[in-house]
Amino acid sequence: MKRILSIFSIYCLLLGAGGSFISAKALAVDVINPSCPTPTQITNGATVPAICTQTDGTTGNTLFGSDGIITIITEILSGIAGFIAILMTVIAGIRMMTAGGDANTLAEARASLFHALFSLVLIVLALTLIRFVLGKIT
């Protein structure tokens, strides 16, 4: 159980430090001078590359926008991590209820509960930070 908890904690820390992974991807795109034409350029007859087209057919930033790849991947990963954190919280609660007065089992269950709740807080903060940064980029 401790091994699973430590692996999950490391995963949550990596998700929280996801900015380092996103920044490597962001360096591949020129955010200051994007290749996608502005709406004014489109009305003046500029062609729109396929990378600049959203799933609904409108133009926009497909890497960082609301339908962007980074946004979708971040939300999927944080959803999975959040589900695992809630599952760990439930398991720790069950372990606390079934401890039967054993001090060691109760202490391990409390530690698991603390780590699961701390991981959940980290996931929420990481998602908030990533959404804030992606909102500033687009």
N, C-alpha and C. Protein backbone atom coordinates (compact mmCIF):
# COMPACT_ATOMS: atom_id res chain seq x y z
N MET A 1 0.82 -1.20 0.00
CA MET A 1 0.00 0.00 0.00
C MET A 1 0.87 1.26 0.00
N LYS A 2 1.98 1.20 0.77
CA LYS A 2 2.87 2.36 0.81
C LYS A 2 3.50 2.60 -0.55
N ARG A 3 3.80 1.53 -1.26
CA ARG A 3 4.40 1.68 -2.58
C ARG A 3 3.42 2.34 -3.55
N ILE A 4 2.16 1.92 -3.52
CA ILE A 4 1.14 2.52 -4.38
C ILE A 4 0.96 3.98 -4.03
N LEU A 5 0.94 4.29 -2.74
CA LEU A 5 0.77 5.67 -2.30
C LEU A 5 1.96 6.53 -2.73
N SER A 6 3.17 5.99 -2.62
CA SER A 6 4.33 6.78 -3.03
C SER A 6 4.35 6.99 -4.54
N ILE A 7 3.96 5.98 -5.30
CA ILE A 7 3.90 6.13 -6.76
C ILE A 7 2.84 7.16 -7.13
N PHE A 8 1.70 7.11 -6.46
CA PHE A 8 0.63 8.08 -6.72
C PHE A 8 1.07 9.50 -6.34
N SER A 9 1.78 9.63 -5.22
CA SER A 9 2.27 10.95 -4.81
C SER A 9 3.26 11.51 -5.82
N ILE A 10 4.14 10.66 -6.31
CA ILE A 10 5.10 11.10 -7.33
C ILE A 10 4.37 11.51 -8.60
N TYR A 11 3.35 10.75 -8.98
CA TYR A 11 2.56 11.09 -10.17
C TYR A 11 1.89 12.45 -9.99
N CYS A 12 1.33 12.68 -8.79
CA CYS A 12 0.67 13.97 -8.54
C CYS A 12 1.66 15.11 -8.55
N LEU A 13 2.85 14.88 -8.03
CA LEU A 13 3.88 15.92 -8.07
C LEU A 13 4.29 16.21 -9.51
N LEU A 14 4.39 15.16 -10.31
CA LEU A 14 4.72 15.38 -11.72
C LEU A 14 3.60 16.13 -12.43
N LEU A 15 2.36 15.81 -12.08
CA LEU A 15 1.24 16.53 -12.68
C LEU A 15 1.27 17.98 -12.23
N GLY A 16 1.61 18.21 -10.97
CA GLY A 16 1.71 19.57 -10.46
C GLY A 16 2.87 20.32 -11.11
N ALA A 17 3.93 19.61 -11.41
CA ALA A 17 5.07 20.23 -12.06
C ALA A 17 4.93 20.13 -13.57
N GLY A 18 3.71 19.95 -14.04
CA GLY A 18 3.45 19.79 -15.46
C GLY A 18 3.84 21.01 -16.28
N GLY A 19 4.01 22.14 -15.62
CA GLY A 19 4.43 23.34 -16.33
C GLY A 19 5.75 23.15 -17.03
N SER A 20 6.64 22.32 -16.43
CA SER A 20 7.92 22.08 -17.08
C SER A 20 7.73 21.28 -18.36
N PHE A 21 6.75 20.37 -18.38
CA PHE A 21 6.49 19.60 -19.60
C PHE A 21 5.76 20.46 -20.63
N ILE A 22 4.86 21.30 -20.18
CA ILE A 22 4.12 22.16 -21.08
C ILE A 22 5.03 23.21 -21.70
N SER A 23 5.98 23.71 -20.90
CA SER A 23 6.86 24.75 -21.44
C SER A 23 7.71 24.19 -22.57
N ALA A 24 8.09 22.93 -22.51
CA ALA A 24 8.86 22.34 -23.60
C ALA A 24 8.02 22.30 -24.87
N LYS A 25 6.74 21.99 -24.73
CA LYS A 25 5.85 21.99 -25.89
C LYS A 25 5.60 23.42 -26.37
N ALA A 26 5.49 24.34 -25.43
CA ALA A 26 5.18 25.71 -25.80
C ALA A 26 6.33 26.37 -26.56
N LEU A 27 7.54 25.90 -26.33
CA LEU A 27 8.67 26.48 -27.03
C LEU A 27 8.63 26.17 -28.52
N ALA A 28 7.91 25.13 -28.90
CA ALA A 28 7.83 24.75 -30.31
C ALA A 28 6.86 25.62 -31.09
N VAL A 29 6.08 26.46 -30.39
CA VAL A 29 5.09 27.30 -31.04
C VAL A 29 5.44 28.76 -30.75
N ASP A 30 5.39 29.57 -31.78
CA ASP A 30 5.65 31.00 -31.61
C ASP A 30 4.35 31.66 -31.17
N VAL A 31 4.24 31.94 -29.87
CA VAL A 31 3.02 32.51 -29.34
C VAL A 31 2.92 33.99 -29.66
N ILE A 32 4.05 34.67 -29.75
CA ILE A 32 4.06 36.11 -30.02
C ILE A 32 3.61 36.39 -31.46
N ASN A 33 4.15 35.63 -32.39
CA ASN A 33 3.79 35.79 -33.80
C ASN A 33 3.21 34.47 -34.30
N PRO A 34 1.96 34.19 -33.99
CA PRO A 34 1.39 32.88 -34.36
C PRO A 34 1.23 32.74 -35.87
N SER A 35 1.26 31.48 -36.31
CA SER A 35 1.10 31.22 -37.74
C SER A 35 -0.35 31.28 -38.17
N CYS A 36 -1.27 31.23 -37.21
CA CYS A 36 -2.69 31.29 -37.55
C CYS A 36 -3.08 32.73 -37.86
N PRO A 37 -3.81 32.95 -38.94
CA PRO A 37 -4.21 34.30 -39.29
C PRO A 37 -5.26 34.85 -38.34
N THR A 38 -5.26 36.15 -38.17
CA THR A 38 -6.26 36.81 -37.33
C THR A 38 -7.59 36.88 -38.09
N PRO A 39 -8.70 37.15 -37.41
CA PRO A 39 -9.98 37.27 -38.12
C PRO A 39 -9.96 38.34 -39.21
N THR A 40 -9.20 39.42 -38.98
CA THR A 40 -9.11 40.46 -40.00
C THR A 40 -8.40 39.93 -41.24
N GLN A 41 -7.35 39.17 -41.05
CA GLN A 41 -6.63 38.60 -42.18
C GLN A 41 -7.49 37.59 -42.93
N ILE A 42 -8.33 36.85 -42.20
CA ILE A 42 -9.19 35.86 -42.84
C ILE A 42 -10.21 36.55 -43.74
N THR A 43 -10.78 37.66 -43.27
CA THR A 43 -11.76 38.37 -44.09
C THR A 43 -11.10 39.02 -45.30
N ASN A 44 -9.80 39.27 -45.21
CA ASN A 44 -9.08 39.85 -46.35
C ASN A 44 -8.58 38.79 -47.32
N GLY A 45 -8.97 37.53 -47.10
CA GLY A 45 -8.64 36.48 -48.06
C GLY A 45 -7.48 35.60 -47.68
N ALA A 46 -6.97 35.67 -46.45
CA ALA A 46 -5.86 34.81 -46.04
C ALA A 46 -6.37 33.37 -45.91
N THR A 47 -5.52 32.41 -46.28
CA THR A 47 -5.89 31.00 -46.13
C THR A 47 -5.63 30.55 -44.70
N VAL A 48 -6.47 29.66 -44.23
CA VAL A 48 -6.36 29.17 -42.86
C VAL A 48 -5.76 27.77 -42.88
N PRO A 49 -4.56 27.60 -42.27
CA PRO A 49 -3.96 26.26 -42.22
C PRO A 49 -4.83 25.31 -41.39
N ALA A 50 -4.71 24.02 -41.64
CA ALA A 50 -5.52 23.02 -40.93
C ALA A 50 -5.24 23.03 -39.43
N ILE A 51 -4.01 23.37 -39.03
CA ILE A 51 -3.67 23.39 -37.61
C ILE A 51 -4.42 24.50 -36.87
N CYS A 52 -4.91 25.48 -37.59
CA CYS A 52 -5.60 26.61 -36.97
C CYS A 52 -7.11 26.42 -36.90
N THR A 53 -7.61 25.27 -37.30
CA THR A 53 -9.05 25.04 -37.31
C THR A 53 -9.46 24.22 -36.10
N GLN A 54 -10.47 24.70 -35.37
CA GLN A 54 -10.99 24.00 -34.21
C GLN A 54 -11.86 22.83 -34.65
N THR A 55 -12.29 22.01 -33.69
CA THR A 55 -13.12 20.85 -34.03
C THR A 55 -14.49 21.25 -34.55
N ASP A 56 -14.97 22.44 -34.17
CA ASP A 56 -16.29 22.88 -34.64
C ASP A 56 -16.21 23.67 -35.94
N GLY A 57 -15.01 23.73 -36.55
CA GLY A 57 -14.87 24.40 -37.84
C GLY A 57 -14.43 25.85 -37.73
N THR A 58 -14.48 26.43 -36.53
CA THR A 58 -14.02 27.80 -36.36
C THR A 58 -12.51 27.83 -36.26
N THR A 59 -11.94 29.01 -36.46
CA THR A 59 -10.50 29.14 -36.36
C THR A 59 -10.12 29.56 -34.96
N GLY A 60 -8.93 29.21 -34.55
CA GLY A 60 -8.43 29.57 -33.23
C GLY A 60 -7.15 28.81 -32.94
N ASN A 61 -6.71 28.89 -31.71
CA ASN A 61 -5.48 28.24 -31.31
C ASN A 61 -5.78 26.80 -30.90
N THR A 62 -5.41 25.84 -31.74
CA THR A 62 -5.74 24.44 -31.47
C THR A 62 -4.78 23.81 -30.48
N LEU A 63 -3.68 24.47 -30.16
CA LEU A 63 -2.74 23.91 -29.18
C LEU A 63 -3.10 24.35 -27.77
N PHE A 64 -3.41 25.63 -27.58
CA PHE A 64 -3.66 26.16 -26.24
C PHE A 64 -5.09 26.62 -26.02
N GLY A 65 -5.93 26.67 -27.02
CA GLY A 65 -7.28 27.20 -26.89
C GLY A 65 -8.17 26.34 -26.01
N SER A 66 -9.45 26.71 -25.94
CA SER A 66 -10.38 25.96 -25.10
C SER A 66 -10.57 24.54 -25.59
N ASP A 67 -10.42 24.31 -26.89
CA ASP A 67 -10.46 22.96 -27.45
C ASP A 67 -9.06 22.46 -27.78
N GLY A 68 -8.03 23.13 -27.23
CA GLY A 68 -6.65 22.81 -27.56
C GLY A 68 -6.19 21.47 -27.03
N ILE A 69 -5.16 20.97 -27.65
CA ILE A 69 -4.61 19.67 -27.28
C ILE A 69 -4.10 19.68 -25.84
N ILE A 70 -3.36 20.70 -25.47
CA ILE A 70 -2.81 20.79 -24.12
C ILE A 70 -3.93 20.84 -23.09
N THR A 71 -4.97 21.61 -23.37
CA THR A 71 -6.10 21.73 -22.44
C THR A 71 -6.81 20.39 -22.27
N ILE A 72 -7.04 19.71 -23.35
CA ILE A 72 -7.74 18.42 -23.29
C ILE A 72 -6.92 17.38 -22.53
N ILE A 73 -5.62 17.29 -22.82
CA ILE A 73 -4.75 16.34 -22.14
C ILE A 73 -4.68 16.65 -20.65
N THR A 74 -4.56 17.93 -20.32
CA THR A 74 -4.49 18.33 -18.91
C THR A 74 -5.76 17.95 -18.17
N GLU A 75 -6.91 18.19 -18.77
CA GLU A 75 -8.16 17.87 -18.10
C GLU A 75 -8.36 16.37 -17.96
N ILE A 76 -7.95 15.60 -18.94
CA ILE A 76 -8.07 14.14 -18.84
C ILE A 76 -7.17 13.60 -17.74
N LEU A 77 -5.91 14.03 -17.73
CA LEU A 77 -4.97 13.55 -16.72
C LEU A 77 -5.38 13.97 -15.32
N SER A 78 -5.84 15.20 -15.16
CA SER A 78 -6.26 15.64 -13.83
C SER A 78 -7.53 14.93 -13.39
N GLY A 79 -8.42 14.60 -14.31
CA GLY A 79 -9.61 13.83 -13.98
C GLY A 79 -9.27 12.43 -13.50
N ILE A 80 -8.33 11.79 -14.19
CA ILE A 80 -7.89 10.45 -13.78
C ILE A 80 -7.22 10.51 -12.41
N ALA A 81 -6.32 11.48 -12.24
CA ALA A 81 -5.62 11.61 -10.95
C ALA A 81 -6.60 11.95 -9.83
N GLY A 82 -7.59 12.79 -10.10
CA GLY A 82 -8.60 13.12 -9.10
C GLY A 82 -9.43 11.91 -8.71
N PHE A 83 -9.79 11.10 -9.70
CA PHE A 83 -10.55 9.88 -9.42
C PHE A 83 -9.73 8.94 -8.53
N ILE A 84 -8.44 8.79 -8.83
CA ILE A 84 -7.59 7.93 -8.03
C ILE A 84 -7.45 8.48 -6.61
N ALA A 85 -7.33 9.80 -6.47
CA ALA A 85 -7.21 10.41 -5.14
C ALA A 85 -8.49 10.19 -4.32
N ILE A 86 -9.64 10.32 -4.95
CA ILE A 86 -10.90 10.09 -4.24
C ILE A 86 -11.03 8.61 -3.88
N LEU A 87 -10.63 7.73 -4.78
CA LEU A 87 -10.65 6.30 -4.49
C LEU A 87 -9.73 5.97 -3.31
N MET A 88 -8.55 6.58 -3.28
CA MET A 88 -7.62 6.37 -2.16
C MET A 88 -8.21 6.89 -0.85
N THR A 89 -8.95 8.00 -0.92
CA THR A 89 -9.60 8.55 0.27
C THR A 89 -10.65 7.57 0.80
N VAL A 90 -11.44 7.00 -0.09
CA VAL A 90 -12.46 6.03 0.32
C VAL A 90 -11.81 4.78 0.91
N ILE A 91 -10.76 4.29 0.28
CA ILE A 91 -10.06 3.11 0.79
C ILE A 91 -9.47 3.39 2.16
N ALA A 92 -8.87 4.57 2.35
CA ALA A 92 -8.32 4.92 3.65
C ALA A 92 -9.42 5.01 4.70
N GLY A 93 -10.58 5.53 4.35
CA GLY A 93 -11.70 5.59 5.28
C GLY A 93 -12.18 4.21 5.67
N ILE A 94 -12.26 3.32 4.71
CA ILE A 94 -12.66 1.94 5.01
C ILE A 94 -11.63 1.27 5.92
N ARG A 95 -10.35 1.52 5.64
CA ARG A 95 -9.30 0.95 6.50
C ARG A 95 -9.39 1.50 7.92
N MET A 96 -9.77 2.77 8.05
CA MET A 96 -9.91 3.34 9.39
C MET A 96 -11.08 2.69 10.13
N MET A 97 -12.18 2.46 9.42
CA MET A 97 -13.35 1.86 10.06
C MET A 97 -13.12 0.40 10.43
N THR A 98 -12.31 -0.29 9.65
CA THR A 98 -12.08 -1.71 9.91
C THR A 98 -10.79 -1.97 10.68
N ALA A 99 -10.19 -0.93 11.24
CA ALA A 99 -8.93 -1.10 11.98
C ALA A 99 -9.13 -1.94 13.23
N GLY A 100 -10.28 -1.90 13.83
CA GLY A 100 -10.57 -2.73 14.98
C GLY A 100 -9.73 -2.39 16.21
N GLY A 101 -9.35 -1.15 16.34
CA GLY A 101 -8.59 -0.73 17.51
C GLY A 101 -7.09 -0.94 17.39
N ASP A 102 -6.63 -1.49 16.27
CA ASP A 102 -5.18 -1.69 16.08
C ASP A 102 -4.54 -0.34 15.76
N ALA A 103 -3.59 0.05 16.61
CA ALA A 103 -2.97 1.38 16.48
C ALA A 103 -2.16 1.51 15.19
N ASN A 104 -1.46 0.45 14.81
CA ASN A 104 -0.64 0.52 13.59
C ASN A 104 -1.51 0.67 12.34
N THR A 105 -2.56 -0.12 12.24
CA THR A 105 -3.45 -0.04 11.09
C THR A 105 -4.13 1.32 11.03
N LEU A 106 -4.53 1.83 12.18
CA LEU A 106 -5.18 3.14 12.23
C LEU A 106 -4.21 4.25 11.82
N ALA A 107 -2.96 4.16 12.27
CA ALA A 107 -1.96 5.17 11.89
C ALA A 107 -1.68 5.13 10.40
N GLU A 108 -1.59 3.91 9.83
CA GLU A 108 -1.37 3.79 8.38
C GLU A 108 -2.55 4.34 7.60
N ALA A 109 -3.76 4.07 8.08
CA ALA A 109 -4.96 4.57 7.40
C ALA A 109 -5.02 6.09 7.47
N ARG A 110 -4.67 6.68 8.62
CA ARG A 110 -4.64 8.15 8.73
C ARG A 110 -3.61 8.74 7.78
N ALA A 111 -2.43 8.11 7.71
CA ALA A 111 -1.40 8.61 6.80
C ALA A 111 -1.87 8.52 5.35
N SER A 112 -2.52 7.41 5.01
CA SER A 112 -3.05 7.26 3.65
C SER A 112 -4.10 8.32 3.34
N LEU A 113 -4.97 8.57 4.32
CA LEU A 113 -6.01 9.59 4.14
C LEU A 113 -5.39 10.97 3.95
N PHE A 114 -4.39 11.29 4.77
CA PHE A 114 -3.72 12.58 4.64
C PHE A 114 -3.07 12.72 3.27
N HIS A 115 -2.36 11.69 2.84
CA HIS A 115 -1.68 11.76 1.54
C HIS A 115 -2.67 11.86 0.38
N ALA A 116 -3.78 11.14 0.48
CA ALA A 116 -4.79 11.20 -0.58
C ALA A 116 -5.42 12.59 -0.66
N LEU A 117 -5.75 13.16 0.51
CA LEU A 117 -6.34 14.51 0.50
C LEU A 117 -5.33 15.55 0.04
N PHE A 118 -4.07 15.39 0.46
CA PHE A 118 -3.03 16.31 0.01
C PHE A 118 -2.84 16.21 -1.50
N SER A 119 -2.89 14.99 -2.03
CA SER A 119 -2.77 14.80 -3.48
C SER A 119 -3.93 15.44 -4.21
N LEU A 120 -5.13 15.34 -3.64
CA LEU A 120 -6.30 15.95 -4.25
C LEU A 120 -6.15 17.47 -4.30
N VAL A 121 -5.65 18.06 -3.23
CA VAL A 121 -5.41 19.50 -3.20
C VAL A 121 -4.36 19.88 -4.25
N LEU A 122 -3.29 19.09 -4.34
CA LEU A 122 -2.25 19.37 -5.35
C LEU A 122 -2.81 19.30 -6.76
N ILE A 123 -3.68 18.33 -7.01
CA ILE A 123 -4.27 18.19 -8.35
C ILE A 123 -5.11 19.41 -8.70
N VAL A 124 -5.92 19.86 -7.74
CA VAL A 124 -6.77 21.02 -7.99
C VAL A 124 -5.92 22.27 -8.22
N LEU A 125 -4.88 22.46 -7.40
CA LEU A 125 -4.01 23.62 -7.57
C LEU A 125 -3.25 23.56 -8.89
N ALA A 126 -2.78 22.37 -9.27
CA ALA A 126 -2.07 22.23 -10.54
C ALA A 126 -2.98 22.54 -11.72
N LEU A 127 -4.21 22.04 -11.67
CA LEU A 127 -5.15 22.31 -12.76
C LEU A 127 -5.48 23.80 -12.83
N THR A 128 -5.65 24.43 -11.68
CA THR A 128 -5.93 25.86 -11.66
C THR A 128 -4.77 26.65 -12.24
N LEU A 129 -3.55 26.30 -11.85
CA LEU A 129 -2.37 27.00 -12.37
C LEU A 129 -2.22 26.80 -13.87
N ILE A 130 -2.44 25.60 -14.34
CA ILE A 130 -2.30 25.32 -15.77
C ILE A 130 -3.37 26.07 -16.57
N ARG A 131 -4.61 26.10 -16.06
CA ARG A 131 -5.66 26.85 -16.74
C ARG A 131 -5.34 28.34 -16.77
N PHE A 132 -4.78 28.86 -15.67
CA PHE A 132 -4.42 30.28 -15.63
C PHE A 132 -3.34 30.58 -16.67
N VAL A 133 -2.30 29.75 -16.72
CA VAL A 133 -1.21 30.00 -17.66
C VAL A 133 -1.71 29.86 -19.10
N LEU A 134 -2.51 28.83 -19.38
CA LEU A 134 -3.01 28.66 -20.74
C LEU A 134 -3.97 29.80 -21.12
N GLY A 135 -4.69 30.34 -20.14
CA GLY A 135 -5.56 31.49 -20.40
C GLY A 135 -4.77 32.73 -20.76
N LYS A 136 -3.58 32.87 -20.17
CA LYS A 136 -2.74 34.02 -20.48
C LYS A 136 -2.04 33.87 -21.82
N ILE A 137 -1.80 32.63 -22.23
CA ILE A 137 -1.12 32.41 -23.52
C ILE A 137 -2.05 32.71 -24.68
N THR A 138 -3.33 32.29 -24.58
CA THR A 138 -4.23 32.44 -25.73
C THR A 138 -4.76 33.83 -25.86
